Protein backbone atom coordinates (compact mmCIF):
# COMPACT_ATOMS: atom_id res chain seq x y z
CA UNK A 1 94.14 145.71 144.81
CA UNK A 2 92.91 148.21 142.42
CA UNK A 3 91.86 148.04 138.78
CA UNK A 4 89.84 150.29 136.43
CA UNK A 5 86.89 149.50 134.28
CA UNK A 6 87.71 149.18 130.53
CA UNK A 7 84.66 147.37 128.95
CA UNK A 8 81.21 146.68 130.21
CA UNK A 9 78.56 144.24 128.51
CA UNK A 10 75.47 143.88 130.82
CA UNK A 11 76.43 142.08 133.71
CA UNK A 12 79.78 141.53 132.63
CA UNK A 13 82.62 144.00 133.25
CA UNK A 14 86.27 143.81 132.25
CA UNK A 15 88.87 145.34 134.68
CA UNK A 16 92.64 146.16 133.74
CA UNK A 17 95.55 146.23 136.11
CA UNK A 18 93.80 143.91 138.76
CA UNK A 19 96.89 141.90 139.31
CA UNK A 20 97.09 139.03 142.10
CA UNK A 21 93.03 138.56 142.39
CA UNK A 22 91.69 135.11 142.36
CA UNK A 23 89.22 133.14 140.55
CA UNK A 24 85.71 133.63 142.15
CA UNK A 25 87.22 136.45 144.37
CA UNK A 26 84.61 138.92 145.39
CA UNK A 27 85.38 142.61 143.86
CA UNK A 28 83.73 146.04 144.25
CA UNK A 29 82.91 147.52 141.11
CA UNK A 30 82.42 151.42 140.35
CA UNK A 31 82.09 154.47 142.60
CA UNK A 32 78.83 152.86 143.99
CA UNK A 33 80.73 149.63 145.11
CA UNK A 34 78.70 147.10 143.24
CA UNK A 35 79.18 143.41 144.30
CA UNK A 36 80.83 141.35 141.72
CA UNK A 37 82.80 138.00 141.33
CA UNK A 38 85.97 137.31 139.23
CA UNK A 39 85.08 134.43 136.71
CA UNK A 40 87.93 134.82 134.34
CA UNK A 41 91.59 135.98 134.43
CA UNK A 42 93.45 136.77 131.15
CA UNK A 43 96.93 138.43 132.52
CA UNK A 44 96.25 141.47 134.15
CA UNK A 45 92.44 141.50 133.03
CA UNK A 46 89.66 140.49 135.25
CA UNK A 47 86.43 139.36 133.79
CA UNK A 48 83.94 139.99 136.48
CA UNK A 49 79.93 138.77 136.95
CA UNK A 50 78.28 141.91 138.46
CA UNK A 51 75.35 140.68 140.72
CA UNK A 52 73.60 144.31 140.55
CA UNK A 53 72.28 146.36 137.96
CA UNK A 54 75.23 147.89 136.01
CA UNK A 55 73.12 150.67 134.25
CA UNK A 56 75.28 154.00 134.62
CA UNK A 57 78.54 152.49 135.24
CA UNK A 58 81.44 154.34 133.23
CA UNK A 59 84.74 153.31 131.63
CA UNK A 60 87.35 154.15 134.01
CA UNK A 61 85.49 153.98 137.34
CA UNK A 62 87.60 151.87 139.79
CA UNK A 63 87.39 148.15 140.91
CA UNK A 64 88.86 147.10 144.02
CA UNK A 65 89.20 143.57 145.25
CA UNK A 66 88.12 142.33 148.72
CA UNK A 67 90.53 139.35 149.02
CA UNK A 68 87.36 136.89 149.83
CA UNK A 69 85.54 134.54 147.99
CA UNK A 70 81.79 134.92 147.42
CA UNK A 71 80.44 133.36 150.77
CA UNK A 72 77.48 133.03 152.89
CA UNK A 73 77.04 134.01 156.58
CA UNK A 74 75.90 130.90 158.63
CA UNK A 75 74.44 131.26 162.08
CA UNK A 76 71.31 132.12 164.16
CA UNK A 77 69.05 134.41 162.12
CA UNK A 78 68.82 132.27 159.19
CA UNK A 79 65.63 130.30 159.95
CA UNK A 80 62.77 132.71 159.06
CA UNK A 81 64.68 135.07 156.78
CA UNK A 82 64.28 136.02 153.12
CA UNK A 83 67.30 136.63 151.32
CA UNK A 84 68.24 137.60 147.76
CA UNK A 85 70.68 135.42 145.56
CA UNK A 86 73.72 137.14 147.14
CA UNK A 87 72.27 136.69 150.90
CA UNK A 88 70.84 140.17 151.35
CA UNK A 89 68.15 140.40 154.00
CA UNK A 90 65.18 141.36 152.01
CA UNK A 91 63.00 142.08 154.85
CA UNK A 92 65.76 144.21 156.53
CA UNK A 93 66.30 146.36 153.35
CA UNK A 94 62.60 146.98 152.79
CA UNK A 95 62.25 148.29 156.35
CA UNK A 96 65.26 150.36 156.12
CA UNK A 97 65.50 151.52 152.55
CA UNK A 98 62.06 150.93 151.10
CA UNK A 99 60.72 148.36 148.40
CA UNK A 100 63.69 148.79 146.03
CA UNK A 101 67.27 147.53 146.62
CA UNK A 102 69.64 150.54 146.52
CA UNK A 103 72.66 149.54 144.05
CA UNK A 104 75.75 148.69 146.30
CA UNK A 105 73.86 148.22 149.52
CA UNK A 106 75.40 145.18 151.52
CA UNK A 107 73.46 145.32 155.18
CA UNK A 108 74.46 143.05 157.73
CA UNK A 109 73.22 139.51 156.45
CA UNK A 110 72.18 138.17 159.84
CA UNK A 111 71.62 141.43 161.61
CA UNK A 112 72.39 142.70 164.98
CA UNK A 113 69.77 140.69 167.00
CA UNK A 114 71.20 138.99 170.29
CA UNK A 115 70.65 135.46 170.81
CA UNK A 116 70.63 133.50 174.21
CA UNK A 117 73.80 131.06 173.62
CA UNK A 118 74.13 127.92 176.20
CA UNK A 119 77.72 126.60 175.87
CA UNK A 120 78.17 122.94 176.05
CA UNK A 121 82.16 122.78 176.16
CA UNK A 122 84.60 123.84 179.00
CA UNK A 123 87.92 125.04 179.32
CA UNK A 124 90.42 122.26 178.52
CA UNK A 125 88.28 120.30 176.10
CA UNK A 126 89.88 119.65 172.85
CA UNK A 127 87.43 120.34 169.93
CA UNK A 128 87.63 119.82 166.07
CA UNK A 129 85.86 120.91 163.13
CA UNK A 130 82.16 119.82 163.52
CA UNK A 131 81.94 119.85 167.04
CA UNK A 132 79.23 121.41 168.94
CA UNK A 133 80.27 123.86 171.31
CA UNK A 134 76.87 125.15 172.30
CA UNK A 135 73.39 125.86 171.03
CA UNK A 136 70.61 128.89 170.39
CA UNK A 137 67.02 128.08 170.61
CA UNK A 138 66.45 130.03 167.08
CA UNK A 139 62.79 128.86 167.27
CA UNK A 140 60.69 126.52 169.22
CA UNK A 141 60.84 124.30 165.93
CA UNK A 142 64.33 123.99 165.72
CA UNK A 143 67.39 124.02 167.92
CA UNK A 144 70.42 125.81 165.92
CA UNK A 145 73.65 124.04 166.81
CA UNK A 146 76.79 126.22 167.14
CA UNK A 147 79.61 124.26 165.33
CA UNK A 148 83.35 124.25 165.18
CA UNK A 149 84.22 125.50 161.58
CA UNK A 150 85.66 122.81 159.69
CA UNK A 151 89.17 124.22 159.33
CA UNK A 152 89.67 124.79 163.28
CA UNK A 153 90.63 122.29 166.31
CA UNK A 154 92.80 122.66 169.28
CA UNK A 155 92.29 122.96 173.13
CA UNK A 156 89.85 125.27 174.52
CA UNK A 157 91.35 128.38 176.54
CA UNK A 158 88.09 130.12 177.46
CA UNK A 159 84.35 129.92 176.98
CA UNK A 160 81.78 132.63 177.07
CA UNK A 161 79.11 132.37 180.14
CA UNK A 162 75.67 131.54 179.04
CA UNK A 163 74.15 134.79 178.01
CA UNK A 164 73.21 136.67 175.09
CA UNK A 165 75.39 137.58 172.13
CA UNK A 166 75.31 138.76 168.40
CA UNK A 167 76.44 136.62 165.51
CA UNK A 168 79.70 138.43 165.33
CA UNK A 169 80.96 138.02 169.03
CA UNK A 170 83.32 135.17 170.09
CA UNK A 171 81.93 132.34 172.27
CA UNK A 172 85.11 130.23 172.52
CA UNK A 173 88.84 130.83 172.20
CA UNK A 174 91.49 128.34 171.51
CA UNK A 175 94.91 128.15 173.01
CA UNK A 176 96.45 129.02 169.74
CA UNK A 177 94.26 132.35 169.57
CA UNK A 178 91.85 131.09 167.02
CA UNK A 179 88.15 131.94 168.14
CA UNK A 180 84.59 130.29 167.50
CA UNK A 181 81.99 132.88 166.76
CA UNK A 182 78.17 132.40 166.77
CA UNK A 183 78.44 132.33 163.08
CA UNK A 184 80.83 131.27 160.30
CA UNK A 185 81.48 131.94 156.58
CA UNK A 186 81.60 129.77 153.84
CA UNK A 187 82.31 129.96 149.93
CA UNK A 188 79.36 128.99 148.08
CA UNK A 189 80.96 127.48 145.58
CA UNK A 190 82.92 124.72 147.76
CA UNK A 191 80.89 121.93 149.29
CA UNK A 192 81.04 121.82 152.99
CA UNK A 193 83.09 118.92 153.92
CA UNK A 194 82.12 115.71 155.71
CA UNK A 195 83.06 112.28 157.03
CA UNK A 196 81.66 110.26 154.31
CA UNK A 197 78.48 109.76 152.37
CA UNK A 198 76.43 106.79 153.24
CA UNK A 199 73.51 105.02 151.46
CA UNK A 200 69.98 106.22 151.48
CA UNK A 201 67.38 103.98 153.07
CA UNK A 202 64.59 106.03 154.09
CA UNK A 203 61.97 107.75 152.24
CA UNK A 204 61.13 111.47 152.12
CA UNK A 205 57.61 111.13 153.14
CA UNK A 206 55.66 113.87 151.38
CA UNK A 207 51.73 112.99 151.86
CA UNK A 208 51.42 112.87 147.99
CA UNK A 209 50.16 109.47 147.28
CA UNK A 210 51.43 109.01 143.67
CA UNK A 211 55.00 110.08 145.05
CA UNK A 212 55.15 107.87 148.35
CA UNK A 213 53.55 104.81 146.55
CA UNK A 214 54.87 104.75 143.08
CA UNK A 215 57.69 107.19 142.76
CA UNK A 216 59.21 107.71 145.93
CA UNK A 217 62.16 110.09 146.85
CA UNK A 218 64.83 108.96 149.60
CA UNK A 219 66.14 111.35 152.14
CA UNK A 220 69.32 112.57 150.98
CA UNK A 221 68.05 111.83 147.31
CA UNK A 222 67.95 113.69 144.08
CA UNK A 223 64.70 114.55 142.28
CA UNK A 224 63.32 116.69 139.33
CA UNK A 225 59.83 117.89 138.41
CA UNK A 226 59.76 118.83 134.71
CA UNK A 227 56.69 120.05 132.99
CA UNK A 228 55.47 122.83 130.58
CA UNK A 229 53.88 126.11 131.55
CA UNK A 230 50.90 125.47 133.99
CA UNK A 231 51.42 121.83 134.47
CA UNK A 232 51.85 122.81 138.42
CA UNK A 233 55.68 122.45 139.31
CA UNK A 234 55.63 125.45 141.57
CA UNK A 235 52.46 124.32 143.26
CA UNK A 236 54.15 120.55 143.90
CA UNK A 237 57.22 122.13 145.31
CA UNK A 238 55.49 124.31 147.40
CA UNK A 239 53.47 121.37 148.79
CA UNK A 240 56.68 119.39 149.31
CA UNK A 241 57.97 122.26 151.13
CA UNK A 242 54.96 122.51 153.42
CA UNK A 243 54.63 118.61 154.01
CA UNK A 244 57.89 116.83 153.61
CA UNK A 245 59.06 115.38 156.96
CA UNK A 246 62.38 117.18 157.30
CA UNK A 247 63.79 119.47 159.72
CA UNK A 248 64.19 122.25 157.49
CA UNK A 249 63.37 123.65 154.13
CA UNK A 250 65.52 125.92 151.81
CA UNK A 251 63.11 127.14 149.25
CA UNK A 252 65.15 128.78 146.07
CA UNK A 253 63.02 131.09 143.95
CA UNK A 254 65.51 131.11 141.09
CA UNK A 255 64.36 133.33 138.25
CA UNK A 256 60.77 132.49 138.45
CA UNK A 257 57.84 135.07 137.62
CA UNK A 258 57.56 137.69 140.64
CA UNK A 259 54.03 136.72 141.61
CA UNK A 260 55.09 133.02 142.07
CA UNK A 261 57.39 134.18 144.64
CA UNK A 262 54.82 136.79 146.26
CA UNK A 263 52.57 133.98 146.59
CA UNK A 264 55.34 131.91 148.54
CA UNK A 265 56.46 135.17 150.51
CA UNK A 266 52.93 135.75 151.48
CA UNK A 267 51.66 132.24 152.31
CA UNK A 268 54.52 130.27 154.19
CA UNK A 269 54.39 133.13 157.22
CA UNK A 270 50.85 132.12 157.72
CA UNK A 271 51.29 128.42 157.44
CA UNK A 272 51.19 125.96 160.18
CA UNK A 273 53.76 122.98 160.33
CA UNK A 274 51.81 119.86 160.25
CA UNK A 275 54.06 118.16 162.60
CA UNK A 276 54.57 120.49 165.25
CA UNK A 277 51.67 123.10 164.77
CA UNK A 278 54.16 125.78 164.83
CA UNK A 279 54.40 128.43 162.02
CA UNK A 280 56.30 127.05 158.86
CA UNK A 281 58.83 130.10 158.72
CA UNK A 282 60.34 128.40 162.17
CA UNK A 283 62.04 125.85 159.87
CA UNK A 284 62.12 127.63 156.45
CA UNK A 285 64.67 129.86 154.66
CA UNK A 286 63.60 131.80 151.55
CA UNK A 287 66.05 132.92 148.80
CA UNK A 288 64.08 134.87 146.19
CA UNK A 289 65.61 136.10 143.11
CA UNK A 290 62.77 136.65 140.51
CA UNK A 291 63.36 137.05 136.63
CA UNK A 292 63.34 140.83 137.18
CA UNK A 293 66.30 140.64 139.28
CA UNK A 294 69.88 140.55 138.11
CA UNK A 295 70.73 137.90 135.86
CA UNK A 296 74.14 136.91 137.60
CA UNK A 297 72.39 136.97 141.07
CA UNK A 298 70.14 134.31 139.85
CA UNK A 299 72.92 132.32 138.92
CA UNK A 300 74.54 132.80 142.52
CA UNK A 301 71.21 131.90 144.27
CA UNK A 302 71.41 128.13 143.83
CA UNK A 303 74.83 128.06 145.53
CA UNK A 304 73.62 130.04 148.29
CA UNK A 305 70.64 127.81 148.97
CA UNK A 306 72.71 124.49 148.91
CA UNK A 307 75.70 125.90 151.19
CA UNK A 308 72.92 127.16 153.82
CA UNK A 309 71.22 123.40 153.35
CA UNK A 310 74.81 121.87 153.84
CA UNK A 311 75.04 123.98 157.24
CA UNK A 312 72.06 122.59 158.70
CA UNK A 313 72.97 119.24 157.37
CA UNK A 314 76.11 119.43 159.27
CA UNK A 315 73.97 119.89 162.47
CA UNK A 316 72.74 116.32 161.89
CA UNK A 317 69.26 117.64 160.52
CA UNK A 318 67.33 116.17 157.40
CA UNK A 319 67.01 119.13 154.96
CA UNK A 320 65.12 119.65 151.89
CA UNK A 321 66.12 122.06 149.03
CA UNK A 322 63.61 123.39 146.22
CA UNK A 323 65.02 124.95 143.43
CA UNK A 324 62.43 126.60 141.22
CA UNK A 325 63.63 126.47 138.60
CA UNK A 326 66.75 125.23 137.26
CA UNK A 327 65.86 126.01 133.96
CA UNK A 328 66.28 129.93 134.89
CA UNK A 329 69.39 129.26 136.45
CA UNK A 330 70.65 127.66 133.40
CA UNK A 331 69.35 130.61 131.08
CA UNK A 332 71.42 132.85 133.52
CA UNK A 333 74.41 130.84 132.75
CA UNK A 334 73.78 131.14 129.10
CA UNK A 335 73.48 134.90 129.28
CA UNK A 336 76.68 135.16 131.17
CA UNK A 337 78.57 132.75 128.92
CA UNK A 338 77.58 134.65 125.80
CA UNK A 339 78.58 137.99 127.28
CA UNK A 340 82.03 136.36 127.98
CA UNK A 341 82.20 135.37 124.47
CA UNK A 342 82.63 131.55 125.18
CA UNK A 343 81.79 129.33 122.45
CA UNK A 344 78.26 128.09 122.69
CA UNK A 345 76.81 124.57 123.19
CA UNK A 346 73.74 123.12 122.31
CA UNK A 347 70.75 125.61 121.99
CA UNK A 348 73.38 128.39 123.07
CA UNK A 349 74.00 126.82 126.57
CA UNK A 350 77.45 126.81 127.73
CA UNK A 351 79.03 123.63 127.09
CA UNK A 352 79.63 123.04 130.79
CA UNK A 353 76.04 123.17 131.46
CA UNK A 354 75.96 119.55 132.22
CA UNK A 355 79.00 119.75 134.36
CA UNK A 356 77.43 122.56 136.53
CA UNK A 357 74.13 120.87 136.97
CA UNK A 358 76.25 117.47 138.15
CA UNK A 359 78.16 119.45 140.57
CA UNK A 360 74.92 121.04 142.14
CA UNK A 361 73.14 117.78 142.54
CA UNK A 362 76.18 115.94 143.76
CA UNK A 363 75.84 118.19 146.63
CA UNK A 364 72.89 116.33 147.92
CA UNK A 365 73.30 113.24 150.13
CA UNK A 366 73.00 111.48 153.52
CA UNK A 367 76.30 111.82 155.47
CA UNK A 368 77.95 111.29 158.57
CA UNK A 369 78.85 114.82 159.69
CA UNK A 370 82.16 116.31 160.87
CA UNK A 371 82.66 116.14 164.59
CA UNK A 372 83.49 113.82 167.79
CA UNK A 373 79.64 112.79 168.25
CA UNK A 374 78.13 110.72 165.47
CA UNK A 375 75.68 112.64 163.46
CA UNK A 376 73.79 111.76 160.45
CA UNK A 377 72.38 114.63 158.37
CA UNK A 378 70.82 114.77 154.90
CA UNK A 379 70.32 117.14 151.98
CA UNK A 380 67.41 116.24 149.59
CA UNK A 381 67.36 118.34 146.42
CA UNK A 382 64.25 118.73 144.37
CA UNK A 383 64.76 120.67 141.20
CA UNK A 384 62.01 122.16 138.93
CA UNK A 385 62.83 122.19 135.02
CA UNK A 386 60.41 124.26 132.60
CA UNK A 387 61.35 122.97 129.12
CA UNK A 388 60.18 125.48 126.30
CA UNK A 389 57.10 123.98 124.94
CA UNK A 390 57.11 121.01 127.22
CA UNK A 391 59.94 119.46 124.98
CA UNK A 392 61.73 117.03 127.15
CA UNK A 393 64.43 116.69 124.74
CA UNK A 394 66.02 120.18 125.28
CA UNK A 395 69.45 120.27 126.99
CA UNK A 396 68.39 121.45 130.32
CA UNK A 397 66.08 118.53 130.79
CA UNK A 398 68.46 115.86 129.22
CA UNK A 399 71.25 117.04 131.59
CA UNK A 400 69.27 116.92 134.60
CA UNK A 401 68.00 113.33 133.70
CA UNK A 402 71.49 112.00 133.71
CA UNK A 403 72.15 113.06 137.31
CA UNK A 404 68.80 112.65 139.30
CA UNK A 405 67.47 109.46 140.48
CA UNK A 406 63.76 110.29 140.72
CA UNK A 407 61.76 111.81 137.72
CA UNK A 408 58.20 113.39 138.33
CA UNK A 409 57.06 113.92 134.53
CA UNK A 410 54.01 116.41 134.33
CA UNK A 411 51.65 115.91 131.86
CA UNK A 412 49.67 118.77 130.30
CA UNK A 413 46.48 116.72 129.40
CA UNK A 414 46.45 115.73 133.15
CA UNK A 415 46.75 119.21 134.28
CA UNK A 416 44.00 120.27 132.06
CA UNK A 417 41.71 117.67 133.51
CA UNK A 418 42.39 119.41 137.10
CA UNK A 419 44.31 116.25 138.14
CA UNK A 420 46.61 117.15 140.91
CA UNK A 421 49.32 116.19 141.00
CA UNK A 422 49.64 116.05 137.17
CA UNK A 423 52.55 113.44 137.50
CA UNK A 424 52.50 110.85 134.68
CA UNK A 425 52.98 107.63 136.15
CA UNK A 426 53.75 106.18 132.96
CA UNK A 427 56.79 108.11 132.17
CA UNK A 428 58.34 108.92 135.58
CA UNK A 429 60.41 106.84 137.68
CA UNK A 430 62.26 106.38 140.75
CA UNK A 431 65.60 104.60 141.38
CA UNK A 432 65.25 104.56 145.22
CA UNK A 433 62.41 101.93 145.21
CA UNK A 434 64.07 98.69 145.83
CA UNK A 435 66.64 100.60 148.40
CA UNK A 436 63.65 101.32 150.59
CA UNK A 437 61.47 98.38 150.36
CA UNK A 438 62.69 97.10 153.85
CA UNK A 439 61.92 100.47 155.48
CA UNK A 440 58.33 100.35 153.95
CA UNK A 441 57.98 96.66 154.98
CA UNK A 442 59.27 97.61 158.67
CA UNK A 443 57.30 100.75 159.03
CA UNK A 444 54.16 100.50 157.14
CA UNK A 445 53.38 96.82 156.06
CA UNK A 446 55.24 93.69 154.83
CA UNK A 447 52.78 94.08 151.91
CA UNK A 448 53.89 97.49 150.71
CA UNK A 449 56.05 96.16 147.92
CA UNK A 450 53.56 93.78 146.53
CA UNK A 451 50.79 96.39 146.78
CA UNK A 452 52.88 99.05 144.99
CA UNK A 453 54.06 96.47 142.26
CA UNK A 454 50.50 95.13 141.46
CA UNK A 455 48.87 99.17 141.15
CA UNK A 456 52.19 99.65 138.96
CA UNK A 457 51.46 96.80 136.84
CA UNK A 458 47.47 97.50 136.49
CA UNK A 459 48.58 101.26 135.21
CA UNK A 460 51.10 100.00 132.69
CA UNK A 461 48.36 97.40 131.49
CA UNK A 462 45.96 100.31 131.46
CA UNK A 463 47.98 102.29 128.97
CA UNK A 464 48.30 99.67 126.54
CA UNK A 465 44.94 98.82 126.40
CA UNK A 466 43.93 102.28 125.91
CA UNK A 467 45.81 102.18 122.51
CA UNK A 468 43.60 99.20 121.48
CA UNK A 469 40.30 100.66 122.81
CA UNK A 470 40.90 103.91 120.65
CA UNK A 471 41.30 101.35 117.63
CA UNK A 472 38.25 98.82 118.24
CA UNK A 473 36.23 100.57 121.46
CA UNK A 474 35.94 98.80 124.96
CA UNK A 475 33.41 96.53 123.89
CA UNK A 476 35.70 94.50 121.94
CA UNK A 477 37.98 93.85 125.23
CA UNK A 478 37.90 90.35 126.91
CA UNK A 479 35.98 90.78 130.35
CA UNK A 480 39.22 90.74 132.30
CA UNK A 481 40.73 93.54 130.40
CA UNK A 482 37.41 95.51 130.69
CA UNK A 483 37.52 94.81 134.40
CA UNK A 484 41.34 95.96 134.64
CA UNK A 485 40.31 99.41 132.83
CA UNK A 486 37.52 99.78 135.41
CA UNK A 487 39.80 99.27 138.51
CA UNK A 488 42.54 101.48 136.84
CA UNK A 489 40.07 104.32 136.55
CA UNK A 490 39.11 103.94 140.33
CA UNK A 491 43.05 103.74 140.95
CA UNK A 492 43.39 107.20 139.14
CA UNK A 493 40.43 109.03 140.62
CA UNK A 494 40.55 107.72 144.22
CA UNK A 495 44.08 106.92 144.82
CA UNK A 496 46.39 108.86 142.62
CA UNK A 497 44.53 112.17 142.61
CA UNK A 498 44.54 114.66 145.54
CA UNK A 499 42.80 117.87 146.55
CA UNK A 500 45.27 120.44 147.65
CA UNK A 501 42.60 122.62 148.95
CA UNK A 502 40.71 120.00 150.87
CA UNK A 503 42.04 120.21 154.69
CA UNK A 504 42.24 116.11 154.91
CA UNK A 505 42.91 115.32 151.34
CA UNK A 506 45.96 117.45 150.99
CA UNK A 507 48.31 115.50 153.11
CA UNK A 508 47.96 111.64 153.24
CA UNK A 509 49.98 109.54 155.68
CA UNK A 510 51.55 106.31 154.49
CA UNK A 511 48.78 104.17 156.56
CA UNK A 512 46.02 105.66 154.83
CA UNK A 513 47.77 105.25 151.35
CA UNK A 514 48.45 101.68 152.28
CA UNK A 515 44.83 101.28 153.36
CA UNK A 516 43.27 102.94 150.20
CA UNK A 517 45.55 100.92 148.09
CA UNK A 518 44.88 97.66 149.69
CA UNK A 519 41.14 98.37 149.71
CA UNK A 520 40.91 98.95 145.89
CA UNK A 521 42.93 95.56 145.23
CA UNK A 522 40.77 93.69 147.58
CA UNK A 523 37.78 94.78 145.49
CA UNK A 524 39.68 93.96 142.30
CA UNK A 525 40.62 90.40 143.23
CA UNK A 526 36.83 89.79 144.54
CA UNK A 527 35.49 91.10 141.06
CA UNK A 528 38.31 88.70 139.35
CA UNK A 529 37.01 85.88 141.22
CA UNK A 530 33.39 86.57 140.36
CA UNK A 531 34.37 86.93 136.61
CA UNK A 532 35.53 83.34 136.76
CA UNK A 533 32.33 82.23 137.83
CA UNK A 534 31.11 83.47 134.40
CA UNK A 535 29.16 86.58 135.70
CA UNK A 536 29.57 89.71 133.41
CA UNK A 537 31.21 92.78 134.77
CA UNK A 538 27.80 94.65 134.76
CA UNK A 539 26.42 92.11 137.02
CA UNK A 540 29.02 92.01 139.71
CA UNK A 541 30.29 95.69 140.17
CA UNK A 542 29.13 97.09 143.28
CA UNK A 543 28.61 100.89 143.32
CA UNK A 544 28.32 101.17 147.07
CA UNK A 545 31.71 99.69 147.56
CA UNK A 546 33.20 102.08 144.89
CA UNK A 547 31.33 105.04 146.53
CA UNK A 548 33.16 104.00 150.07
CA UNK A 549 36.57 103.86 148.01
CA UNK A 550 36.09 107.14 146.57
CA UNK A 551 35.35 108.83 149.88
CA UNK A 552 38.31 107.35 151.87
CA UNK A 553 40.46 110.20 150.43
CA UNK A 554 38.42 112.74 152.18
CA UNK A 555 38.18 110.79 155.58
CA UNK A 556 40.72 111.02 158.53
CA UNK A 557 42.75 108.10 159.14
CA UNK A 558 40.32 106.53 161.84
CA UNK A 559 37.48 106.72 159.20
CA UNK A 560 39.60 105.26 156.79
CA UNK A 561 40.20 102.22 158.97
CA UNK A 562 36.41 101.78 159.59
CA UNK A 563 35.83 102.04 155.92
CA UNK A 564 38.45 99.40 155.21
CA UNK A 565 36.94 96.86 157.65
CA UNK A 566 33.65 97.36 156.09
CA UNK A 567 34.78 96.71 152.57
CA UNK A 568 36.35 93.63 153.80
CA UNK A 569 33.24 92.51 155.48
CA UNK A 570 31.10 92.75 152.24
CA UNK A 571 33.72 90.91 150.15
CA UNK A 572 34.75 87.42 149.39
CA UNK A 573 38.62 88.03 149.11
CA UNK A 574 40.48 89.44 152.17
CA UNK A 575 44.04 89.08 150.89
CA UNK A 576 45.91 90.38 147.61
CA UNK A 577 47.37 87.38 145.71
């Protein structure tokens, strides 16, 4: 099918005489064959969103349909790769064509490398969508399972021998003639199927004390990090990508500044996975689409990332997707919507902004995967939002908060105090806390929910008392309220604050978080008991114990246990009541 360009408006092109094309079909635009996607159909006119720079396009140039929807290629070669928003391999492009992406260029997305494939099925087996036919040891950190595409089933007629194959070679052939290759393609706007979703019950352990203790995120859950410029959204997402206990990480740099993605691209290949000691890139896929790249491709990058995440989920892995940031994605939607002449909604965003955000976050979840074997996989989505001027009432923030269940609100005043992470514990929330109480009781301590509740109560009361202190000063408060402010400061400085550059404090195991929390509360209840004996706060404070508590965050787990025992020996109260 061939048409001609009749109008050009930035990334949007109108083509006439393009009958028979479908919505979201991929087309080649102009003499250079720029990649585009049909986003509207009007009689024989097709409105096309072009994923490359349209400068130099002329009216009358040809537009050809491909018959395919915009898709990604899924198979060995994904892990450790760096793609742009439409899955062009940036490293390969740089090695062959230089630092700039030539227009119309679409190299092989997973390359020509051969992989050692080990089959696990035999002739005569009946296979169905989602079944495992073999595996490739893509990296030492992750075994890449080769799955039957969801829409294929039948009896195996032929299986290749164990050996080296590239991603386009057939490894299994069915009686009806259909084939299974090392790779498969999937349209990015269509969620990959599964048997059914199941409830979340296990936390995503991040090593960030304020998150793991007060604002936990479940595996298969959704979270958003919202904060103004300079509050640390990207740093927190990079931290989560490095330390979260997942099998694979998909990091999407969606429209952020180039220097931020440069930092990710330079840092990740040199990092070590804290769980395996292997390079971090052995479980990471990077999708880089910075603010100076085509705006339409920025919109596609989110879907490219979530589709890759679903693919690894279908293998039974726990996957984390970091989207930095959905505000830039929404701005891309707004620009394309404006070019299409659509009626704008609030602040110029398209009226379907909330629906698009909901569709994206709904692709997270914990599922029973397709296939004969029972496999449970999950996709956890963490999206950053950058509201202009830190205004949480703007449309992207409000639309996001309606669909996510964990909210980490970044506070500019905390960021200015060099408090990392700058998460405001008074504004943020997690709707997963009650769902995961049993897990924490079983895997950490029966006391975990009680300790968490008391820490949250102290911090809430502190925020109320600080309003009074601003009016009448701390000396006018009763002794117990002054003690609460004293303990709240210890909690903030010794528990909630971390040093992202310190080799020990940058990651905190759950047991260490539990011991620091319990130590602080034991000390608090000891002082409460002494206050009841009519002693003044100044007389009962023990600077040596406070010093021990403040040093715990910089100690390894064994020394934290010793410090906890030393504090317990010196105080009168040994349990939290």
